[in-house]
Amino acid sequence: MTRTTPPEPRPSTETPPVSAETADRRASDRFATRRNVRIFFDTGPVPGPSANVSRDGLYFFADGPIKLTVEVEGKRKPVEVRGRLVRAESLNPTAVGIAIRFEEPIDPAALD
């Protein structure tokens, strides 16, 4: 097995600054907003090969998209949209950042 050194955990849940390089890769503008969100994962196992394993965990590659439904709090009613998990990262021992790509674009005004 090849040993890899895990990255240092981030000290807080603050959103890191976005570099110009990252912003240039984004297909859509982002709008800063704090809304309650719930994620409903499609049921079933997520198969795939591992990349590395340690006594404390593992890193693996899913054989396909991890599909889900996102419910975002709106002013009048929640907005539901289908999507897929694109990234999950441990921010600290009690928080995980999750990035989701929507299957269909939403109008941010729908949250008002």
C-alpha atoms as a PDB file:
ATOM      1  CA  MET A   1       0.000   0.000   0.000  1.00  0.00           C
ATOM      2  CA  THR A   2       1.143   3.552  -0.700  1.00  0.00           C
ATOM      3  CA  ARG A   3       1.014   5.846   2.327  1.00  0.00           C
ATOM      4  CA  THR A   4      -0.561   9.237   1.902  1.00  0.00           C
ATOM      5  CA  THR A   5      -0.645  12.095   4.372  1.00  0.00           C
ATOM      6  CA  PRO A   6      -4.135  13.519   4.955  1.00  0.00           C
ATOM      7  CA  PRO A   7      -4.603  17.288   4.643  1.00  0.00           C
ATOM      8  CA  GLU A   8      -4.817  19.359   7.814  1.00  0.00           C
ATOM      9  CA  PRO A   9      -8.434  19.940   8.932  1.00  0.00           C
ATOM     10  CA  ARG A  10      -9.771  23.471   8.593  1.00  0.00           C
ATOM     11  CA  PRO A  11     -10.018  25.273  11.943  1.00  0.00           C
ATOM     12  CA  SER A  12     -13.542  26.679  11.466  1.00  0.00           C
ATOM     13  CA  THR A  13     -16.700  26.514   9.358  1.00  0.00           C
ATOM     14  CA  GLU A  14     -16.095  29.929   7.808  1.00  0.00           C
ATOM     15  CA  THR A  15     -16.309  29.926   4.034  1.00  0.00           C
ATOM     16  CA  PRO A  16     -12.800  30.136   2.589  1.00  0.00           C
ATOM     17  CA  PRO A  17     -12.156  32.992   0.143  1.00  0.00           C
ATOM     18  CA  VAL A  18     -12.780  32.178  -3.516  1.00  0.00           C
ATOM     19  CA  SER A  19      -9.729  32.574  -5.724  1.00  0.00           C
ATOM     20  CA  ALA A  20     -10.004  34.222  -9.135  1.00  0.00           C
ATOM     21  CA  GLU A  21      -9.018  30.874 -10.663  1.00  0.00           C
ATOM     22  CA  THR A  22     -11.917  29.071  -8.937  1.00  0.00           C
ATOM     23  CA  ALA A  23     -14.398  31.815  -9.809  1.00  0.00           C
ATOM     24  CA  ASP A  24     -13.368  31.633 -13.475  1.00  0.00           C
ATOM     25  CA  ARG A  25     -14.237  27.902 -13.605  1.00  0.00           C
ATOM     26  CA  ARG A  26     -17.742  28.399 -12.234  1.00  0.00           C
ATOM     27  CA  ALA A  27     -20.567  28.233 -14.748  1.00  0.00           C
ATOM     28  CA  SER A  28     -23.025  30.279 -12.640  1.00  0.00           C
ATOM     29  CA  ASP A  29     -22.813  33.282 -10.336  1.00  0.00           C
ATOM     30  CA  ARG A  30     -23.103  32.565  -6.612  1.00  0.00           C
ATOM     31  CA  PHE A  31     -25.407  34.488  -4.293  1.00  0.00           C
ATOM     32  CA  ALA A  32     -24.534  34.643  -0.613  1.00  0.00           C
ATOM     33  CA  THR A  33     -27.527  33.480   1.401  1.00  0.00           C
ATOM     34  CA  ARG A  34     -28.156  31.562   4.612  1.00  0.00           C
ATOM     35  CA  ARG A  35     -31.091  29.156   4.235  1.00  0.00           C
ATOM     36  CA  ASN A  36     -31.946  25.954   6.022  1.00  0.00           C
ATOM     37  CA  VAL A  37     -31.304  23.000   3.735  1.00  0.00           C
ATOM     38  CA  ARG A  38     -32.231  19.330   3.942  1.00  0.00           C
ATOM     39  CA  ILE A  39     -30.772  16.619   1.731  1.00  0.00           C
ATOM     40  CA  PHE A  40     -32.573  13.370   0.958  1.00  0.00           C
ATOM     41  CA  PHE A  41     -30.196  10.783  -0.494  1.00  0.00           C
ATOM     42  CA  ASP A  42     -31.551   8.166  -2.880  1.00  0.00           C
ATOM     43  CA  THR A  43     -31.514   4.850  -1.087  1.00  0.00           C
ATOM     44  CA  GLY A  44     -29.218   1.968  -1.860  1.00  0.00           C
ATOM     45  CA  PRO A  45     -25.544   1.090  -1.661  1.00  0.00           C
ATOM     46  CA  VAL A  46     -22.839   3.203  -3.329  1.00  0.00           C
ATOM     47  CA  PRO A  47     -20.305   0.762  -4.826  1.00  0.00           C
ATOM     48  CA  GLY A  48     -16.808   1.575  -6.042  1.00  0.00           C
ATOM     49  CA  PRO A  49     -13.115   0.759  -5.701  1.00  0.00           C
ATOM     50  CA  SER A  50     -11.023   2.121  -2.849  1.00  0.00           C
ATOM     51  CA  ALA A  51      -8.023   4.357  -3.476  1.00  0.00           C
ATOM     52  CA  ASN A  52      -6.509   3.984  -0.008  1.00  0.00           C
ATOM     53  CA  VAL A  53      -7.384   2.486   3.350  1.00  0.00           C
ATOM     54  CA  SER A  54      -6.098   3.183   6.849  1.00  0.00           C
ATOM     55  CA  ARG A  55      -7.117   1.944  10.273  1.00  0.00           C
ATOM     56  CA  ASP A  56      -9.221   5.118  10.686  1.00  0.00           C
ATOM     57  CA  GLY A  57     -11.018   5.287   7.330  1.00  0.00           C
ATOM     58  CA  LEU A  58     -10.792   5.049   3.584  1.00  0.00           C
ATOM     59  CA  TYR A  59     -11.057   7.024   0.362  1.00  0.00           C
ATOM     60  CA  PHE A  60     -12.923   5.497  -2.562  1.00  0.00           C
ATOM     61  CA  PHE A  61     -14.377   6.290  -5.976  1.00  0.00           C
ATOM     62  CA  ALA A  62     -18.121   5.868  -6.471  1.00  0.00           C
ATOM     63  CA  ASP A  63     -19.019   3.979  -9.641  1.00  0.00           C
ATOM     64  CA  GLY A  64     -21.604   6.614 -10.545  1.00  0.00           C
ATOM     65  CA  PRO A  65     -23.277   9.799  -9.374  1.00  0.00           C
ATOM     66  CA  ILE A  66     -24.683   9.983  -5.861  1.00  0.00           C
ATOM     67  CA  LYS A  67     -28.165  11.293  -6.557  1.00  0.00           C
ATOM     68  CA  LEU A  68     -30.299  13.207  -4.089  1.00  0.00           C
ATOM     69  CA  THR A  69     -33.065  15.734  -3.570  1.00  0.00           C
ATOM     70  CA  VAL A  70     -32.334  19.075  -1.945  1.00  0.00           C
ATOM     71  CA  GLU A  71     -34.953  21.058  -0.065  1.00  0.00           C
ATOM     72  CA  VAL A  72     -34.022  24.740   0.358  1.00  0.00           C
ATOM     73  CA  GLU A  73     -35.971  26.988   2.708  1.00  0.00           C
ATOM     74  CA  GLY A  74     -37.886  29.688   0.837  1.00  0.00           C
ATOM     75  CA  LYS A  75     -39.731  32.719   2.218  1.00  0.00           C
ATOM     76  CA  ARG A  76     -43.137  31.205   1.421  1.00  0.00           C
ATOM     77  CA  LYS A  77     -42.414  27.500   0.916  1.00  0.00           C
ATOM     78  CA  PRO A  78     -39.437  25.154   0.495  1.00  0.00           C
ATOM     79  CA  VAL A  79     -37.935  24.715  -2.964  1.00  0.00           C
ATOM     80  CA  GLU A  80     -37.116  21.126  -3.946  1.00  0.00           C
ATOM     81  CA  VAL A  81     -34.625  20.282  -6.655  1.00  0.00           C
ATOM     82  CA  ARG A  82     -32.926  17.085  -7.818  1.00  0.00           C
ATOM     83  CA  GLY A  83     -29.151  16.975  -7.886  1.00  0.00           C
ATOM     84  CA  ARG A  84     -25.992  14.986  -7.310  1.00  0.00           C
ATOM     85  CA  LEU A  85     -23.221  15.137  -4.759  1.00  0.00           C
ATOM     86  CA  VAL A  86     -20.055  16.647  -6.214  1.00  0.00           C
ATOM     87  CA  ARG A  87     -17.939  17.117  -3.080  1.00  0.00           C
ATOM     88  CA  ALA A  88     -18.009  16.569   0.675  1.00  0.00           C
ATOM     89  CA  GLU A  89     -15.244  17.774   2.968  1.00  0.00           C
ATOM     90  CA  SER A  90     -14.690  17.660   6.684  1.00  0.00           C
ATOM     91  CA  LEU A  91     -14.390  21.234   7.953  1.00  0.00           C
ATOM     92  CA  ASN A  92     -13.873  20.354  11.607  1.00  0.00           C
ATOM     93  CA  PRO A  93     -14.939  17.532  13.954  1.00  0.00           C
ATOM     94  CA  THR A  94     -18.587  18.667  13.931  1.00  0.00           C
ATOM     95  CA  ALA A  95     -19.149  20.130  10.437  1.00  0.00           C
ATOM     96  CA  VAL A  96     -19.061  18.850   6.861  1.00  0.00           C
ATOM     97  CA  GLY A  97     -19.212  21.072   3.764  1.00  0.00           C
ATOM     98  CA  ILE A  98     -21.307  19.573   0.953  1.00  0.00           C
ATOM     99  CA  ALA A  99     -21.375  20.708  -2.688  1.00  0.00           C
ATOM    100  CA  ILE A 100     -24.313  19.719  -4.894  1.00  0.00           C
ATOM    101  CA  ARG A 101     -24.885  20.190  -8.628  1.00  0.00           C
ATOM    102  CA  PHE A 102     -28.548  20.686  -9.535  1.00  0.00           C
ATOM    103  CA  GLU A 103     -29.951  18.651 -12.435  1.00  0.00           C
ATOM    104  CA  GLU A 104     -31.886  21.722 -13.598  1.00  0.00           C
ATOM    105  CA  PRO A 105     -30.979  25.353 -12.833  1.00  0.00           C
ATOM    106  CA  ILE A 106     -33.104  27.187 -10.286  1.00  0.00           C
ATOM    107  CA  ASP A 107     -33.975  30.863 -10.156  1.00  0.00           C
ATOM    108  CA  PRO A 108     -32.566  32.296  -6.877  1.00  0.00           C
ATOM    109  CA  ALA A 109     -35.632  34.557  -6.799  1.00  0.00           C
ATOM    110  CA  ALA A 110     -37.677  31.396  -6.113  1.00  0.00           C
ATOM    111  CA  LEU A 111     -36.189  31.457  -2.610  1.00  0.00           C
ATOM    112  CA  ASP A 112     -37.742  34.862  -1.874  1.00  0.00           C
END
